[in-house]
Amino acid sequence: MNTKTKIAFLLVSALTLSGCVGSNAVTEKLMGFNVKVVDNRYARAGVNFLLSPVYGFTLVADLFVVNSIEFWSGTNPINGKPHVFDTKTETYLEVNDKVDSSLHDAPIDPLTMSTPNSGTIRYFDENTIEMEVTLADGQQSKVIGVKDGDTISYYIDDQLVSQTTLDALENEFSES
């Protein structure tokens, strides 16, 4: 599977698997129109019946496009409301204290990652490198890479976050 196919597959999967639940703003707009057409409840029911095929299209638009955008961004692009899953309410299960804080609300960090403003690389010795990046908002991040034999370990705030081998790095960058 080539890279473009993988990206397309991931994008379609993300959009279709995350949709369905949201504020259904497109359908809500059509319902608002339906109610404004006439003042009689029975006539509104008739208009509703006549608009039933249109409701089908608005539901599909909500389920697979607008609600997906709402889910991933945290805000509905049509009505500006926060996603229903971000509603603060009493819950039966508490899991936020067990997951990283970046996963508590939308959008998740990789989707909102800031572009680096500047960066520096320092070599401590032939086996240790420090990379420091300053983001546009002033936030700084520091990664230290330590080579031990054929393995490279990466640390952020003195915590091991990843490991790789020299062969894996060589293969990754030689294919580019």
C-alpha atoms as a PDB file:
ATOM      1  CA  MET A   1       0.000   0.000   0.000  1.00  0.00           C
ATOM      2  CA  ASN A   2       1.560   3.324  -1.054  1.00  0.00           C
ATOM      3  CA  THR A   3       1.720   6.408   1.147  1.00  0.00           C
ATOM      4  CA  LYS A   4      -1.132   8.274  -0.568  1.00  0.00           C
ATOM      5  CA  THR A   5      -3.414   5.261  -0.201  1.00  0.00           C
ATOM      6  CA  LYS A   6      -2.515   4.939   3.499  1.00  0.00           C
ATOM      7  CA  ILE A   7      -3.199   8.627   4.135  1.00  0.00           C
ATOM      8  CA  ALA A   8      -6.517   8.461   2.270  1.00  0.00           C
ATOM      9  CA  PHE A   9      -7.512   5.325   4.196  1.00  0.00           C
ATOM     10  CA  LEU A  10      -6.641   6.928   7.549  1.00  0.00           C
ATOM     11  CA  LEU A  11      -8.504  10.124   6.683  1.00  0.00           C
ATOM     12  CA  VAL A  12     -11.646   8.290   5.566  1.00  0.00           C
ATOM     13  CA  SER A  13     -11.470   6.014   8.628  1.00  0.00           C
ATOM     14  CA  ALA A  14     -11.061   8.957  10.981  1.00  0.00           C
ATOM     15  CA  LEU A  15     -13.984  10.812   9.465  1.00  0.00           C
ATOM     16  CA  THR A  16     -16.372   7.882   9.289  1.00  0.00           C
ATOM     17  CA  LEU A  17     -15.491   6.210  12.574  1.00  0.00           C
ATOM     18  CA  SER A  18     -15.647   9.400  14.614  1.00  0.00           C
ATOM     19  CA  GLY A  19     -18.861  10.806  13.199  1.00  0.00           C
ATOM     20  CA  CYS A  20     -22.419  10.017  14.126  1.00  0.00           C
ATOM     21  CA  VAL A  21     -22.580  11.799  17.472  1.00  0.00           C
ATOM     22  CA  GLY A  22     -22.735  15.566  17.512  1.00  0.00           C
ATOM     23  CA  SER A  23     -25.165  18.443  17.596  1.00  0.00           C
ATOM     24  CA  ASN A  24     -26.538  17.689  14.087  1.00  0.00           C
ATOM     25  CA  ALA A  25     -26.422  21.378  13.183  1.00  0.00           C
ATOM     26  CA  VAL A  26     -27.383  20.937   9.513  1.00  0.00           C
ATOM     27  CA  THR A  27     -30.512  18.995  10.456  1.00  0.00           C
ATOM     28  CA  GLU A  28     -31.225  21.538  13.193  1.00  0.00           C
ATOM     29  CA  LYS A  29     -31.125  24.342  10.578  1.00  0.00           C
ATOM     30  CA  LEU A  30     -33.601  22.453   8.388  1.00  0.00           C
ATOM     31  CA  MET A  31     -35.885  21.899  11.412  1.00  0.00           C
ATOM     32  CA  GLY A  32     -35.731  25.650  12.114  1.00  0.00           C
ATOM     33  CA  PHE A  33     -36.782  26.326   8.525  1.00  0.00           C
ATOM     34  CA  ASN A  34     -39.562  23.721   8.829  1.00  0.00           C
ATOM     35  CA  VAL A  35     -40.995  25.446  11.908  1.00  0.00           C
ATOM     36  CA  LYS A  36     -40.865  28.931  10.300  1.00  0.00           C
ATOM     37  CA  VAL A  37     -42.747  27.932   7.138  1.00  0.00           C
ATOM     38  CA  VAL A  38     -46.206  28.009   8.739  1.00  0.00           C
ATOM     39  CA  ASP A  39     -47.699  28.647  12.188  1.00  0.00           C
ATOM     40  CA  ASN A  40     -50.007  25.611  12.340  1.00  0.00           C
ATOM     41  CA  ARG A  41     -48.695  22.412  13.955  1.00  0.00           C
ATOM     42  CA  TYR A  42     -50.552  20.163  11.484  1.00  0.00           C
ATOM     43  CA  ALA A  43     -49.306  22.144   8.496  1.00  0.00           C
ATOM     44  CA  ARG A  44     -45.770  21.913   9.954  1.00  0.00           C
ATOM     45  CA  ALA A  45     -46.209  18.135  10.083  1.00  0.00           C
ATOM     46  CA  GLY A  46     -47.142  18.198   6.403  1.00  0.00           C
ATOM     47  CA  VAL A  47     -44.109  20.312   5.550  1.00  0.00           C
ATOM     48  CA  ASN A  48     -42.014  17.908   7.600  1.00  0.00           C
ATOM     49  CA  PHE A  49     -43.385  14.998   5.548  1.00  0.00           C
ATOM     50  CA  LEU A  50     -42.591  16.801   2.286  1.00  0.00           C
ATOM     51  CA  LEU A  51     -39.068  17.600   3.509  1.00  0.00           C
ATOM     52  CA  SER A  52     -38.358  14.023   4.635  1.00  0.00           C
ATOM     53  CA  PRO A  53     -36.005  13.308   1.690  1.00  0.00           C
ATOM     54  CA  VAL A  54     -34.087  16.496   2.516  1.00  0.00           C
ATOM     55  CA  TYR A  55     -33.789  15.377   6.151  1.00  0.00           C
ATOM     56  CA  GLY A  56     -32.096  12.238   4.838  1.00  0.00           C
ATOM     57  CA  PHE A  57     -29.429  14.342   3.132  1.00  0.00           C
ATOM     58  CA  THR A  58     -28.933  16.612   6.133  1.00  0.00           C
ATOM     59  CA  LEU A  59     -28.527  13.620   8.457  1.00  0.00           C
ATOM     60  CA  VAL A  60     -25.886  12.108   6.167  1.00  0.00           C
ATOM     61  CA  ALA A  61     -24.096  15.476   6.024  1.00  0.00           C
ATOM     62  CA  ASP A  62     -24.224  15.704   9.819  1.00  0.00           C
ATOM     63  CA  LEU A  63     -23.196  12.108  10.494  1.00  0.00           C
ATOM     64  CA  PHE A  64     -20.251  11.894   8.143  1.00  0.00           C
ATOM     65  CA  VAL A  65     -18.984  15.438   7.721  1.00  0.00           C
ATOM     66  CA  VAL A  66     -20.135  18.123  10.163  1.00  0.00           C
ATOM     67  CA  ASN A  67     -20.251  15.930  13.289  1.00  0.00           C
ATOM     68  CA  SER A  68     -16.825  14.487  12.429  1.00  0.00           C
ATOM     69  CA  ILE A  69     -15.366  17.988  12.177  1.00  0.00           C
ATOM     70  CA  GLU A  70     -17.117  18.805  15.454  1.00  0.00           C
ATOM     71  CA  PHE A  71     -15.657  15.691  17.100  1.00  0.00           C
ATOM     72  CA  TRP A  72     -12.058  16.318  16.021  1.00  0.00           C
ATOM     73  CA  SER A  73     -12.001  20.093  16.472  1.00  0.00           C
ATOM     74  CA  GLY A  74     -14.190  20.242  19.588  1.00  0.00           C
ATOM     75  CA  THR A  75     -16.525  22.846  18.046  1.00  0.00           C
ATOM     76  CA  ASN A  76     -19.324  22.558  15.508  1.00  0.00           C
ATOM     77  CA  PRO A  77     -18.366  24.603  12.410  1.00  0.00           C
ATOM     78  CA  ILE A  78     -21.985  25.665  11.749  1.00  0.00           C
ATOM     79  CA  ASN A  79     -23.361  26.684  15.150  1.00  0.00           C
ATOM     80  CA  GLY A  80     -20.104  27.142  17.098  1.00  0.00           C
ATOM     81  CA  LYS A  81     -21.309  24.923  19.966  1.00  0.00           C
ATOM     82  CA  PRO A  82     -18.849  22.643  21.769  1.00  0.00           C
ATOM     83  CA  HIS A  83     -19.080  18.926  21.039  1.00  0.00           C
ATOM     84  CA  VAL A  84     -21.640  17.052  23.119  1.00  0.00           C
ATOM     85  CA  PHE A  85     -18.879  14.749  24.433  1.00  0.00           C
ATOM     86  CA  ASP A  86     -17.187  17.767  26.045  1.00  0.00           C
ATOM     87  CA  THR A  87     -20.255  18.462  28.196  1.00  0.00           C
ATOM     88  CA  LYS A  88     -19.374  18.739  31.868  1.00  0.00           C
ATOM     89  CA  THR A  89     -21.765  16.525  33.781  1.00  0.00           C
ATOM     90  CA  GLU A  90     -21.845  14.004  36.588  1.00  0.00           C
ATOM     91  CA  THR A  91     -20.604  10.702  35.182  1.00  0.00           C
ATOM     92  CA  TYR A  92     -20.761   7.063  36.211  1.00  0.00           C
ATOM     93  CA  LEU A  93     -17.108   6.335  35.387  1.00  0.00           C
ATOM     94  CA  GLU A  94     -14.176   8.657  36.005  1.00  0.00           C
ATOM     95  CA  VAL A  95     -11.226   7.999  33.659  1.00  0.00           C
ATOM     96  CA  ASN A  96      -9.676  11.439  33.058  1.00  0.00           C
ATOM     97  CA  ASP A  97      -7.354  10.974  36.035  1.00  0.00           C
ATOM     98  CA  LYS A  98      -6.005   7.803  34.375  1.00  0.00           C
ATOM     99  CA  VAL A  99      -5.183   9.272  30.929  1.00  0.00           C
ATOM    100  CA  ASP A 100      -2.887  12.035  29.766  1.00  0.00           C
ATOM    101  CA  SER A 101      -4.415  15.495  30.175  1.00  0.00           C
ATOM    102  CA  SER A 102      -4.007  16.154  26.438  1.00  0.00           C
ATOM    103  CA  LEU A 103      -6.737  13.530  25.873  1.00  0.00           C
ATOM    104  CA  HIS A 104      -9.340  15.247  28.097  1.00  0.00           C
ATOM    105  CA  ASP A 105     -10.629  17.713  25.482  1.00  0.00           C
ATOM    106  CA  ALA A 106     -10.572  18.292  21.735  1.00  0.00           C
ATOM    107  CA  PRO A 107      -8.635  19.007  19.713  1.00  0.00           C
ATOM    108  CA  ILE A 108      -5.874  16.614  20.699  1.00  0.00           C
ATOM    109  CA  ASP A 109      -2.330  17.962  20.739  1.00  0.00           C
ATOM    110  CA  PRO A 110      -1.052  16.475  17.465  1.00  0.00           C
ATOM    111  CA  LEU A 111      -3.831  18.319  15.607  1.00  0.00           C
ATOM    112  CA  THR A 112      -3.050  21.646  17.266  1.00  0.00           C
ATOM    113  CA  MET A 113       0.713  21.367  17.474  1.00  0.00           C
ATOM    114  CA  SER A 114       2.337  24.766  16.995  1.00  0.00           C
ATOM    115  CA  THR A 115       4.970  25.393  14.392  1.00  0.00           C
ATOM    116  CA  PRO A 116       8.430  25.700  15.949  1.00  0.00           C
ATOM    117  CA  ASN A 117       9.689  29.256  16.153  1.00  0.00           C
ATOM    118  CA  SER A 118      13.314  28.318  16.774  1.00  0.00           C
ATOM    119  CA  GLY A 119      15.421  25.361  17.776  1.00  0.00           C
ATOM    120  CA  THR A 120      18.883  24.490  18.950  1.00  0.00           C
ATOM    121  CA  ILE A 121      20.916  21.308  18.969  1.00  0.00           C
ATOM    122  CA  ARG A 122      23.749  20.703  21.422  1.00  0.00           C
ATOM    123  CA  TYR A 123      26.156  17.795  21.341  1.00  0.00           C
ATOM    124  CA  PHE A 124      27.393  16.763  24.790  1.00  0.00           C
ATOM    125  CA  ASP A 125      29.591  13.958  23.492  1.00  0.00           C
ATOM    126  CA  GLU A 126      29.557  11.490  20.576  1.00  0.00           C
ATOM    127  CA  ASN A 127      26.657   9.573  22.183  1.00  0.00           C
ATOM    128  CA  THR A 128      24.429  12.339  23.617  1.00  0.00           C
ATOM    129  CA  ILE A 129      22.495  15.072  21.838  1.00  0.00           C
ATOM    130  CA  GLU A 130      19.991  17.621  23.159  1.00  0.00           C
ATOM    131  CA  MET A 131      17.365  19.203  20.911  1.00  0.00           C
ATOM    132  CA  GLU A 132      15.492  22.215  22.290  1.00  0.00           C
ATOM    133  CA  VAL A 133      12.569  23.742  20.390  1.00  0.00           C
ATOM    134  CA  THR A 134      10.756  26.991  21.165  1.00  0.00           C
ATOM    135  CA  LEU A 135       7.215  27.227  19.813  1.00  0.00           C
ATOM    136  CA  ALA A 136       5.568  30.431  18.584  1.00  0.00           C
ATOM    137  CA  ASP A 137       3.658  30.745  21.888  1.00  0.00           C
ATOM    138  CA  GLY A 138       6.936  30.639  23.855  1.00  0.00           C
ATOM    139  CA  GLN A 139       6.513  27.077  25.120  1.00  0.00           C
ATOM    140  CA  GLN A 140       9.759  25.110  25.124  1.00  0.00           C
ATOM    141  CA  SER A 141      10.371  21.421  24.695  1.00  0.00           C
ATOM    142  CA  LYS A 142      13.617  19.548  25.179  1.00  0.00           C
ATOM    143  CA  VAL A 143      14.460  16.066  23.889  1.00  0.00           C
ATOM    144  CA  ILE A 144      17.655  14.269  24.790  1.00  0.00           C
ATOM    145  CA  GLY A 145      18.887  11.409  22.610  1.00  0.00           C
ATOM    146  CA  VAL A 146      21.356   8.915  24.051  1.00  0.00           C
ATOM    147  CA  LYS A 147      23.118   6.356  21.866  1.00  0.00           C
ATOM    148  CA  ASP A 148      24.071   3.108  23.603  1.00  0.00           C
ATOM    149  CA  GLY A 149      25.579   0.658  21.156  1.00  0.00           C
ATOM    150  CA  ASP A 150      23.096   0.278  18.288  1.00  0.00           C
ATOM    151  CA  THR A 151      20.134   1.673  20.282  1.00  0.00           C
ATOM    152  CA  ILE A 152      19.088   5.305  20.621  1.00  0.00           C
ATOM    153  CA  SER A 153      16.859   6.293  23.555  1.00  0.00           C
ATOM    154  CA  TYR A 154      14.876   9.536  23.604  1.00  0.00           C
ATOM    155  CA  TYR A 155      13.995  11.302  26.860  1.00  0.00           C
ATOM    156  CA  ILE A 156      11.654  14.185  27.660  1.00  0.00           C
ATOM    157  CA  ASP A 157      11.843  15.544  31.216  1.00  0.00           C
ATOM    158  CA  ASP A 158      14.142  12.638  32.131  1.00  0.00           C
ATOM    159  CA  GLN A 159      11.461  10.109  31.144  1.00  0.00           C
ATOM    160  CA  LEU A 160      12.097   7.563  28.401  1.00  0.00           C
ATOM    161  CA  VAL A 161       9.570   8.217  25.610  1.00  0.00           C
ATOM    162  CA  SER A 162      10.946   6.208  22.688  1.00  0.00           C
ATOM    163  CA  GLN A 163      13.745   3.959  21.475  1.00  0.00           C
ATOM    164  CA  THR A 164      15.000   3.066  18.025  1.00  0.00           C
ATOM    165  CA  THR A 165      17.985   1.463  16.385  1.00  0.00           C
ATOM    166  CA  LEU A 166      20.534   2.982  14.039  1.00  0.00           C
ATOM    167  CA  ASP A 167      19.415   0.543  11.313  1.00  0.00           C
ATOM    168  CA  ALA A 168      15.785   1.662  11.659  1.00  0.00           C
ATOM    169  CA  LEU A 169      16.765   5.330  11.406  1.00  0.00           C
ATOM    170  CA  GLU A 170      18.979   4.628   8.426  1.00  0.00           C
ATOM    171  CA  ASN A 171      16.180   2.734   6.656  1.00  0.00           C
ATOM    172  CA  GLU A 172      13.630   5.477   7.380  1.00  0.00           C
ATOM    173  CA  PHE A 173      15.746   8.313   6.061  1.00  0.00           C
ATOM    174  CA  SER A 174      17.283   6.463   3.102  1.00  0.00           C
ATOM    175  CA  GLU A 175      13.764   5.778   1.659  1.00  0.00           C
ATOM    176  CA  SER A 176      12.816   9.471   1.687  1.00  0.00           C
END
